[in-house]
Every structure is written in C-alpha cells, then in structure tokens.
Amino acid sequence: MIEKFCEYFKGYFNNQKQAFSYPSKFALIELYHEKLDDHKFKIKQKYSISDTPYRESIIKIIENDNFLLLKNYKNDGETEINGCDVLVFEKEGEFLGKNISNQCIIKNQGKDTYLVTESILGEGYYKVVDKGYDLYTNDQVWGSYNGFFCFNKLSS
C-alpha cells in the first residue's frame, strides 16, 4: 500500500483546469512533492503568481496494518509539527485522508486557527480541501469555501 501511495503522491500538481473554469472560486495553486527517500517527501505549496511557497514541510509516511500515517515535520525534517498528522486509508484504488485532531494550529493574519484537512489521492489526481477555524468560535476563517481543490499530476 505504501509504495502505491508514494508513486501517486510524488511529483508536480496544479489545479489549472479548475482555476481557469472557476476563477472567482479557486486560485491557481501548484504543489510540489519531492521524494527525499523511500517514504519521506519535501512538500511545497504556492500560488502560481508567487515565487515563494506559502507552505513548506517534510512528510514522513508510516505504514500500519490497514492505514498510513502522514507525519508532518518542519523543513529540518526533525522537528515534528504537533497535531498535524493525517490518517490515510485505501478504498477502491484511492487514498482517503483526514487529519486526526483539531490540534494543528496555523497562524493566519496574526490569529491562531486550527486546520481541518481532507484529501483524495488517485492515479494522476489529488483533491484537497483545507479549512482554518477560529479556536474560540469554531467559525471558518480561511480556506476553501467551495469544496475540494482538484489537482492534476503533470509530472513525476
């Protein structure tokens, strides 16, 4: 299971088709998943109009009996980003992921928020929805209000 996931996950993705079809709802985003070793990736996410990524991290993938655990680390690859682990199950040829707690704290416009993420990874595509919620009111304050960002894999 882990080898198939890694093969699907590595590479360059963007959501150009979606962003061009619905420009008022979806920004054009680029994802880079660079394989560092067998089960470790450097992740970069950026708006296509920017040279600077808005999110960078290292992902280490751990396989258990019937699921994968994606552990998030800072760019040093050693410092774990607490509360941001994602649980992934394989179902009918796709990998379905969700974060496992509301403890992944992301600072947005000077305010602490918690991240809720959900993903679907298949051969040649990656669908992701990230949403940030206010720690105290639980109101959504950033992220997709229009559903999944739909990325196509353009290169390995």
C-alpha atoms as a PDB file:
ATOM      1  CA  MET A   1       0.000   0.000   0.000  1.00  0.00           C
ATOM      2  CA  ILE A   2       2.734   2.495   0.929  1.00  0.00           C
ATOM      3  CA  GLU A   3       4.614   2.072  -2.369  1.00  0.00           C
ATOM      4  CA  LYS A   4       1.464   2.748  -4.397  1.00  0.00           C
ATOM      5  CA  PHE A   5       0.677   5.802  -2.278  1.00  0.00           C
ATOM      6  CA  CYS A   6       4.207   7.180  -2.733  1.00  0.00           C
ATOM      7  CA  GLU A   7       4.054   6.651  -6.501  1.00  0.00           C
ATOM      8  CA  TYR A   8       0.746   8.545  -6.728  1.00  0.00           C
ATOM      9  CA  PHE A   9       1.915  11.261  -4.294  1.00  0.00           C
ATOM     10  CA  LYS A  10       5.290  12.232  -5.781  1.00  0.00           C
ATOM     11  CA  GLY A  11       5.507  14.875  -8.463  1.00  0.00           C
ATOM     12  CA  TYR A  12       4.171  18.240  -9.563  1.00  0.00           C
ATOM     13  CA  PHE A  13       0.446  19.011  -9.464  1.00  0.00           C
ATOM     14  CA  ASN A  14      -1.676  22.046 -10.260  1.00  0.00           C
ATOM     15  CA  ASN A  15      -5.368  22.905 -10.475  1.00  0.00           C
ATOM     16  CA  GLN A  16      -5.187  24.952 -13.683  1.00  0.00           C
ATOM     17  CA  LYS A  17      -8.297  23.398 -15.254  1.00  0.00           C
ATOM     18  CA  GLN A  18     -10.389  24.140 -12.154  1.00  0.00           C
ATOM     19  CA  ALA A  19      -8.944  27.635 -11.600  1.00  0.00           C
ATOM     20  CA  PHE A  20      -9.498  28.632 -15.232  1.00  0.00           C
ATOM     21  CA  SER A  21     -13.053  27.246 -15.192  1.00  0.00           C
ATOM     22  CA  TYR A  22     -13.987  28.921 -11.870  1.00  0.00           C
ATOM     23  CA  PRO A  23     -11.550  31.833 -11.360  1.00  0.00           C
ATOM     24  CA  SER A  24     -13.722  33.573  -8.757  1.00  0.00           C
ATOM     25  CA  LYS A  25     -13.826  30.433  -6.598  1.00  0.00           C
ATOM     26  CA  PHE A  26     -10.396  28.772  -6.952  1.00  0.00           C
ATOM     27  CA  ALA A  27      -6.933  30.307  -7.033  1.00  0.00           C
ATOM     28  CA  LEU A  28      -4.320  28.645  -9.241  1.00  0.00           C
ATOM     29  CA  ILE A  29      -2.160  26.576  -6.861  1.00  0.00           C
ATOM     30  CA  GLU A  30       0.946  24.491  -7.509  1.00  0.00           C
ATOM     31  CA  LEU A  31       2.001  21.514  -5.387  1.00  0.00           C
ATOM     32  CA  TYR A  32       5.494  20.022  -5.389  1.00  0.00           C
ATOM     33  CA  HIS A  33       6.011  16.656  -3.684  1.00  0.00           C
ATOM     34  CA  GLU A  34       9.721  15.869  -3.921  1.00  0.00           C
ATOM     35  CA  LYS A  35      10.705  12.372  -2.817  1.00  0.00           C
ATOM     36  CA  LEU A  36      13.655  12.542  -0.397  1.00  0.00           C
ATOM     37  CA  ASP A  37      13.887   8.826   0.357  1.00  0.00           C
ATOM     38  CA  ASP A  38      11.605   5.796   0.294  1.00  0.00           C
ATOM     39  CA  HIS A  39       8.825   7.200   2.490  1.00  0.00           C
ATOM     40  CA  LYS A  40       9.789  10.844   3.002  1.00  0.00           C
ATOM     41  CA  PHE A  41       8.805  13.892   0.917  1.00  0.00           C
ATOM     42  CA  LYS A  42       9.553  17.610   0.845  1.00  0.00           C
ATOM     43  CA  ILE A  43       6.264  19.431   0.260  1.00  0.00           C
ATOM     44  CA  LYS A  44       5.868  22.907  -1.253  1.00  0.00           C
ATOM     45  CA  GLN A  45       2.591  24.696  -1.932  1.00  0.00           C
ATOM     46  CA  LYS A  46       2.425  28.026  -3.696  1.00  0.00           C
ATOM     47  CA  TYR A  47       0.177  30.310  -5.672  1.00  0.00           C
ATOM     48  CA  SER A  48       1.230  30.227  -9.320  1.00  0.00           C
ATOM     49  CA  ILE A  49       1.667  34.007  -9.320  1.00  0.00           C
ATOM     50  CA  SER A  50       4.220  33.811  -6.495  1.00  0.00           C
ATOM     51  CA  ASP A  51       7.780  32.525  -6.366  1.00  0.00           C
ATOM     52  CA  THR A  52       7.541  31.960  -2.615  1.00  0.00           C
ATOM     53  CA  PRO A  53       5.699  28.925  -1.203  1.00  0.00           C
ATOM     54  CA  TYR A  54       3.039  29.647   1.414  1.00  0.00           C
ATOM     55  CA  ARG A  55       3.561  26.206   2.953  1.00  0.00           C
ATOM     56  CA  GLU A  56       6.650  24.012   3.148  1.00  0.00           C
ATOM     57  CA  SER A  57       7.206  20.914   5.234  1.00  0.00           C
ATOM     58  CA  ILE A  58       8.562  17.404   5.315  1.00  0.00           C
ATOM     59  CA  ILE A  59       6.145  14.464   5.323  1.00  0.00           C
ATOM     60  CA  LYS A  60       7.170  11.064   6.652  1.00  0.00           C
ATOM     61  CA  ILE A  61       4.843   8.200   5.786  1.00  0.00           C
ATOM     62  CA  ILE A  62       4.407   5.316   8.195  1.00  0.00           C
ATOM     63  CA  GLU A  63       2.529   2.172   7.212  1.00  0.00           C
ATOM     64  CA  ASN A  64       0.373   0.280   9.682  1.00  0.00           C
ATOM     65  CA  ASP A  65      -1.741  -2.820   9.072  1.00  0.00           C
ATOM     66  CA  ASN A  66      -4.609  -1.143   7.219  1.00  0.00           C
ATOM     67  CA  PHE A  67      -3.739   2.569   7.072  1.00  0.00           C
ATOM     68  CA  LEU A  68      -0.950   5.081   6.503  1.00  0.00           C
ATOM     69  CA  LEU A  69       0.041   7.839   8.891  1.00  0.00           C
ATOM     70  CA  LEU A  70       1.458  11.026   7.376  1.00  0.00           C
ATOM     71  CA  LYS A  71       3.573  12.818   9.975  1.00  0.00           C
ATOM     72  CA  ASN A  72       4.404  16.476   9.368  1.00  0.00           C
ATOM     73  CA  TYR A  73       7.789  17.997  10.169  1.00  0.00           C
ATOM     74  CA  LYS A  74       9.376  21.391   9.758  1.00  0.00           C
ATOM     75  CA  ASN A  75      11.877  21.808   6.915  1.00  0.00           C
ATOM     76  CA  ASP A  76      14.677  20.448   9.099  1.00  0.00           C
ATOM     77  CA  GLY A  77      12.962  17.049   8.893  1.00  0.00           C
ATOM     78  CA  GLU A  78      13.448  16.543  12.639  1.00  0.00           C
ATOM     79  CA  THR A  79      11.028  18.913  14.396  1.00  0.00           C
ATOM     80  CA  GLU A  80       7.531  17.441  14.353  1.00  0.00           C
ATOM     81  CA  ILE A  81       4.613  19.777  13.733  1.00  0.00           C
ATOM     82  CA  ASN A  82       2.374  18.646  16.581  1.00  0.00           C
ATOM     83  CA  GLY A  83      -1.256  17.824  15.945  1.00  0.00           C
ATOM     84  CA  CYS A  84      -0.935  17.805  12.138  1.00  0.00           C
ATOM     85  CA  ASP A  85      -0.809  14.069  11.428  1.00  0.00           C
ATOM     86  CA  VAL A  86      -3.057  12.760   8.662  1.00  0.00           C
ATOM     87  CA  LEU A  87      -4.625   9.303   8.645  1.00  0.00           C
ATOM     88  CA  VAL A  88      -4.941   7.707   5.175  1.00  0.00           C
ATOM     89  CA  PHE A  89      -6.971   4.653   4.137  1.00  0.00           C
ATOM     90  CA  GLU A  90      -7.030   2.970   0.745  1.00  0.00           C
ATOM     91  CA  LYS A  91     -10.501   2.430  -0.691  1.00  0.00           C
ATOM     92  CA  GLU A  92     -11.332   1.299  -4.222  1.00  0.00           C
ATOM     93  CA  GLY A  93      -7.995   2.416  -5.673  1.00  0.00           C
ATOM     94  CA  GLU A  94      -7.954   5.827  -3.973  1.00  0.00           C
ATOM     95  CA  PHE A  95      -6.283   7.060  -0.803  1.00  0.00           C
ATOM     96  CA  LEU A  96      -8.636   8.969   1.508  1.00  0.00           C
ATOM     97  CA  GLY A  97      -7.031  11.199   4.130  1.00  0.00           C
ATOM     98  CA  LYS A  98      -8.156  13.310   7.097  1.00  0.00           C
ATOM     99  CA  ASN A  99      -6.302  14.968   9.920  1.00  0.00           C
ATOM    100  CA  ILE A 100      -6.825  13.175  13.201  1.00  0.00           C
ATOM    101  CA  SER A 101      -7.276  16.115  15.570  1.00  0.00           C
ATOM    102  CA  ASN A 102      -8.147  19.790  15.772  1.00  0.00           C
ATOM    103  CA  GLN A 103      -4.717  20.473  17.265  1.00  0.00           C
ATOM    104  CA  CYS A 104      -2.922  21.516  14.054  1.00  0.00           C
ATOM    105  CA  ILE A 105      -2.528  25.230  14.805  1.00  0.00           C
ATOM    106  CA  ILE A 106      -1.907  27.551  11.847  1.00  0.00           C
ATOM    107  CA  LYS A 107      -1.304  31.267  12.252  1.00  0.00           C
ATOM    108  CA  ASN A 108      -3.380  33.212   9.715  1.00  0.00           C
ATOM    109  CA  GLN A 109      -3.289  37.006   9.620  1.00  0.00           C
ATOM    110  CA  GLY A 110      -1.869  37.044  13.133  1.00  0.00           C
ATOM    111  CA  LYS A 111      -4.580  34.812  14.548  1.00  0.00           C
ATOM    112  CA  ASP A 112      -4.251  31.195  15.684  1.00  0.00           C
ATOM    113  CA  THR A 113      -6.597  28.840  13.853  1.00  0.00           C
ATOM    114  CA  TYR A 114      -6.918  25.075  13.699  1.00  0.00           C
ATOM    115  CA  LEU A 115      -6.664  23.182  10.434  1.00  0.00           C
ATOM    116  CA  VAL A 116      -9.201  20.705   9.143  1.00  0.00           C
ATOM    117  CA  THR A 117      -7.987  18.885   6.045  1.00  0.00           C
ATOM    118  CA  GLU A 118      -9.392  16.177   3.834  1.00  0.00           C
ATOM    119  CA  SER A 119      -7.873  14.617   0.719  1.00  0.00           C
ATOM    120  CA  ILE A 120      -8.422  12.081  -2.047  1.00  0.00           C
ATOM    121  CA  LEU A 121      -5.369  10.830  -3.941  1.00  0.00           C
ATOM    122  CA  GLY A 122      -5.656   8.708  -7.063  1.00  0.00           C
ATOM    123  CA  GLU A 123      -3.525   7.891 -10.047  1.00  0.00           C
ATOM    124  CA  GLY A 124      -2.922  11.250 -11.744  1.00  0.00           C
ATOM    125  CA  TYR A 125      -5.024  13.415  -9.428  1.00  0.00           C
ATOM    126  CA  TYR A 126      -5.138  14.838  -5.931  1.00  0.00           C
ATOM    127  CA  LYS A 127      -8.164  16.526  -4.358  1.00  0.00           C
ATOM    128  CA  VAL A 128      -7.634  18.551  -1.194  1.00  0.00           C
ATOM    129  CA  VAL A 129      -9.708  20.800   0.991  1.00  0.00           C
ATOM    130  CA  ASP A 130      -8.010  22.774   3.771  1.00  0.00           C
ATOM    131  CA  LYS A 131     -10.017  24.964   6.112  1.00  0.00           C
ATOM    132  CA  GLY A 132      -8.951  27.067   9.058  1.00  0.00           C
ATOM    133  CA  TYR A 133     -11.267  27.616  12.007  1.00  0.00           C
ATOM    134  CA  ASP A 134     -11.217  30.140  14.838  1.00  0.00           C
ATOM    135  CA  LEU A 135     -10.035  28.447  18.047  1.00  0.00           C
ATOM    136  CA  TYR A 136     -12.779  30.036  20.151  1.00  0.00           C
ATOM    137  CA  THR A 137     -15.839  30.420  17.913  1.00  0.00           C
ATOM    138  CA  ASN A 138     -15.179  27.468  15.565  1.00  0.00           C
ATOM    139  CA  ASP A 139     -16.112  29.738  12.639  1.00  0.00           C
ATOM    140  CA  GLN A 140     -14.278  29.104   9.387  1.00  0.00           C
ATOM    141  CA  VAL A 141     -11.882  31.999   8.756  1.00  0.00           C
ATOM    142  CA  TRP A 142      -9.764  30.793   5.823  1.00  0.00           C
ATOM    143  CA  GLY A 143      -9.500  28.023   3.249  1.00  0.00           C
ATOM    144  CA  SER A 144     -11.844  26.666   0.649  1.00  0.00           C
ATOM    145  CA  TYR A 145     -15.467  27.710   0.892  1.00  0.00           C
ATOM    146  CA  ASN A 146     -16.212  25.999  -2.438  1.00  0.00           C
ATOM    147  CA  GLY A 147     -15.157  22.405  -1.870  1.00  0.00           C
ATOM    148  CA  PHE A 148     -12.127  20.444  -2.946  1.00  0.00           C
ATOM    149  CA  PHE A 149      -9.235  21.916  -4.905  1.00  0.00           C
ATOM    150  CA  CYS A 150      -8.809  19.456  -7.789  1.00  0.00           C
ATOM    151  CA  PHE A 151      -5.174  18.994  -8.829  1.00  0.00           C
ATOM    152  CA  ASN A 152      -3.889  17.101 -11.845  1.00  0.00           C
ATOM    153  CA  LYS A 153      -0.483  15.455 -11.784  1.00  0.00           C
ATOM    154  CA  LEU A 154       1.660  16.922 -14.534  1.00  0.00           C
ATOM    155  CA  SER A 155       4.990  15.230 -13.839  1.00  0.00           C
ATOM    156  CA  SER A 156       6.599  12.704 -11.541  1.00  0.00           C
END
